[in-house]
Amino acid sequence: MLFSGEEALKKTSVLSGGERVRCMLSRMMLSGANALILDEPTNHLDLESITALNNGLIAFSGVMLFSSHDHQFVATVANRIVEITPAGIIDRVMSFDEYLENEEVALLRDQLCQGHRELTL
């Protein structure tokens, strides 16, 4: 995954944070796993690596659970959104942008937040 020339011959002990992440992601994607759990997978990656990761995850046929603050990553990869709040769960099969724009989801989120405020007061 985006290692070329002399980079491919480096020992892992001298890799930068971003290079270590690229190495681990490459290994993971080649492992043949049918489920992935990722926490902020685009952290420490350059744009080229993020693009390669997105393409690899889009082609992944298994189950994937991830958390990310990277809007573009979530919008590109996610096809089901599960939002977990202290007052309940919102689970929708739709793209991230559809989820953000959906009026039913917004109303449900407001109800969950209102219910949580009442519980904590």
Protein backbone atom coordinates (compact mmCIF):
# COMPACT_ATOMS: atom_id res chain seq x y z
CA MET A 1 0.00 0.00 0.00
CA LEU A 2 1.95 2.92 -1.32
CA PHE A 3 5.46 1.82 -0.39
CA SER A 4 7.93 2.02 -3.24
CA GLY A 5 11.65 1.89 -3.86
CA GLU A 6 13.77 2.18 -0.72
CA GLU A 7 10.67 2.73 1.44
CA ALA A 8 9.70 -0.91 0.95
CA LEU A 9 13.01 -2.04 2.48
CA LYS A 10 12.81 -0.01 5.73
CA LYS A 11 12.76 -1.85 9.03
CA THR A 12 9.54 -1.32 10.98
CA SER A 13 11.49 0.15 13.90
CA VAL A 14 12.37 3.24 11.84
CA LEU A 15 8.95 3.86 10.28
CA SER A 16 7.12 7.11 11.02
CA GLY A 17 3.65 7.04 12.59
CA GLY A 18 1.96 7.39 9.21
CA GLU A 19 4.16 4.69 7.67
CA ARG A 20 3.34 2.32 10.54
CA VAL A 21 -0.38 2.93 10.02
CA ARG A 22 0.01 2.27 6.27
CA CYS A 23 1.91 -0.93 7.03
CA MET A 24 -0.71 -2.18 9.51
CA LEU A 25 -3.59 -1.31 7.17
CA SER A 26 -1.88 -3.09 4.28
CA ARG A 27 -1.34 -6.18 6.39
CA MET A 28 -4.93 -6.08 7.61
CA MET A 29 -6.36 -5.72 4.10
CA LEU A 30 -4.32 -8.70 2.88
CA SER A 31 -5.24 -10.92 5.85
CA GLY A 32 -8.50 -12.22 4.38
CA ALA A 33 -10.52 -11.13 7.42
CA ASN A 34 -14.30 -10.99 7.09
CA ALA A 35 -14.76 -8.30 9.77
CA LEU A 36 -12.87 -5.09 10.49
CA ILE A 37 -13.04 -2.78 13.50
CA LEU A 38 -11.31 0.55 12.83
CA ASP A 39 -10.82 3.52 15.15
CA GLU A 40 -9.98 6.73 13.29
CA PRO A 41 -8.33 4.85 10.40
CA THR A 42 -7.34 7.99 8.47
CA ASN A 43 -5.30 9.52 11.32
CA HIS A 44 -1.62 9.99 10.40
CA LEU A 45 -2.26 9.21 6.72
CA ASP A 46 -1.45 11.46 3.79
CA LEU A 47 -4.01 12.10 1.05
CA GLU A 48 -2.66 9.38 -1.23
CA SER A 49 -2.85 6.79 1.56
CA ILE A 50 -6.39 7.88 2.52
CA THR A 51 -7.49 7.44 -1.10
CA ALA A 52 -5.95 3.96 -1.24
CA LEU A 53 -7.58 3.06 2.09
CA ASN A 54 -10.98 4.30 0.89
CA ASN A 55 -10.71 2.26 -2.31
CA GLY A 56 -9.65 -0.84 -0.41
CA LEU A 57 -12.48 -0.54 2.11
CA ILE A 58 -15.09 0.12 -0.59
CA ALA A 59 -14.01 -3.16 -2.22
CA PHE A 60 -14.08 -5.00 1.15
CA SER A 61 -16.94 -7.51 1.14
CA GLY A 62 -17.08 -8.20 4.87
CA VAL A 63 -18.52 -6.33 7.83
CA MET A 64 -16.86 -3.12 8.94
CA LEU A 65 -17.36 -1.10 12.12
CA PHE A 66 -15.50 2.17 12.40
CA SER A 67 -15.44 5.49 14.19
CA SER A 68 -14.09 8.55 12.44
CA HIS A 69 -14.16 12.33 12.54
CA ASP A 70 -13.19 12.41 8.86
CA HIS A 71 -16.41 13.45 7.09
CA GLN A 72 -15.11 12.59 3.63
CA PHE A 73 -14.02 9.12 4.76
CA VAL A 74 -17.38 8.39 6.38
CA ALA A 75 -19.29 9.76 3.37
CA THR A 76 -17.22 7.63 1.01
CA VAL A 77 -17.22 4.32 2.89
CA ALA A 78 -20.34 4.11 5.10
CA ASN A 79 -23.62 2.64 3.87
CA ARG A 80 -25.20 2.19 7.32
CA ILE A 81 -25.04 4.71 10.16
CA VAL A 82 -25.42 3.74 13.81
CA GLU A 83 -25.45 6.70 16.21
CA ILE A 84 -25.18 5.74 19.87
CA THR A 85 -26.39 8.27 22.45
CA PRO A 86 -26.88 7.97 26.22
CA ALA A 87 -30.67 7.94 25.63
CA GLY A 88 -30.82 5.46 22.75
CA ILE A 89 -29.61 4.33 19.34
CA ILE A 90 -30.38 5.55 15.83
CA ASP A 91 -29.69 2.90 13.19
CA ARG A 92 -30.29 3.68 9.51
CA VAL A 93 -29.21 2.04 6.25
CA MET A 94 -28.29 5.11 4.19
CA SER A 95 -25.28 7.17 3.23
CA PHE A 96 -23.79 9.57 5.77
CA ASP A 97 -24.92 12.65 3.84
CA GLU A 98 -28.47 11.24 3.58
CA TYR A 99 -28.37 10.59 7.32
CA LEU A 100 -27.34 14.17 8.07
CA GLU A 101 -30.09 15.59 5.83
CA ASN A 102 -32.90 13.21 6.88
CA GLU A 103 -35.68 15.05 8.75
CA GLU A 104 -36.92 11.89 10.52
CA VAL A 105 -33.43 11.25 11.88
CA ALA A 106 -33.08 14.88 12.99
CA LEU A 107 -36.39 14.68 14.86
CA LEU A 108 -35.42 11.40 16.51
CA ARG A 109 -32.03 12.82 17.50
CA ASP A 110 -33.75 15.88 19.05
CA GLN A 111 -36.13 13.60 20.97
CA LEU A 112 -33.26 11.48 22.27
CA CYS A 113 -31.30 14.57 23.30
CA GLN A 114 -34.36 16.11 25.00
CA GLY A 115 -35.04 12.86 26.85
CA HIS A 116 -31.42 12.71 28.00
CA ARG A 117 -31.54 16.30 29.27
CA GLU A 118 -34.66 15.47 31.30
CA LEU A 119 -32.96 12.40 32.77
CA THR A 120 -29.88 14.34 33.84
CA LEU A 121 -31.67 17.35 35.38
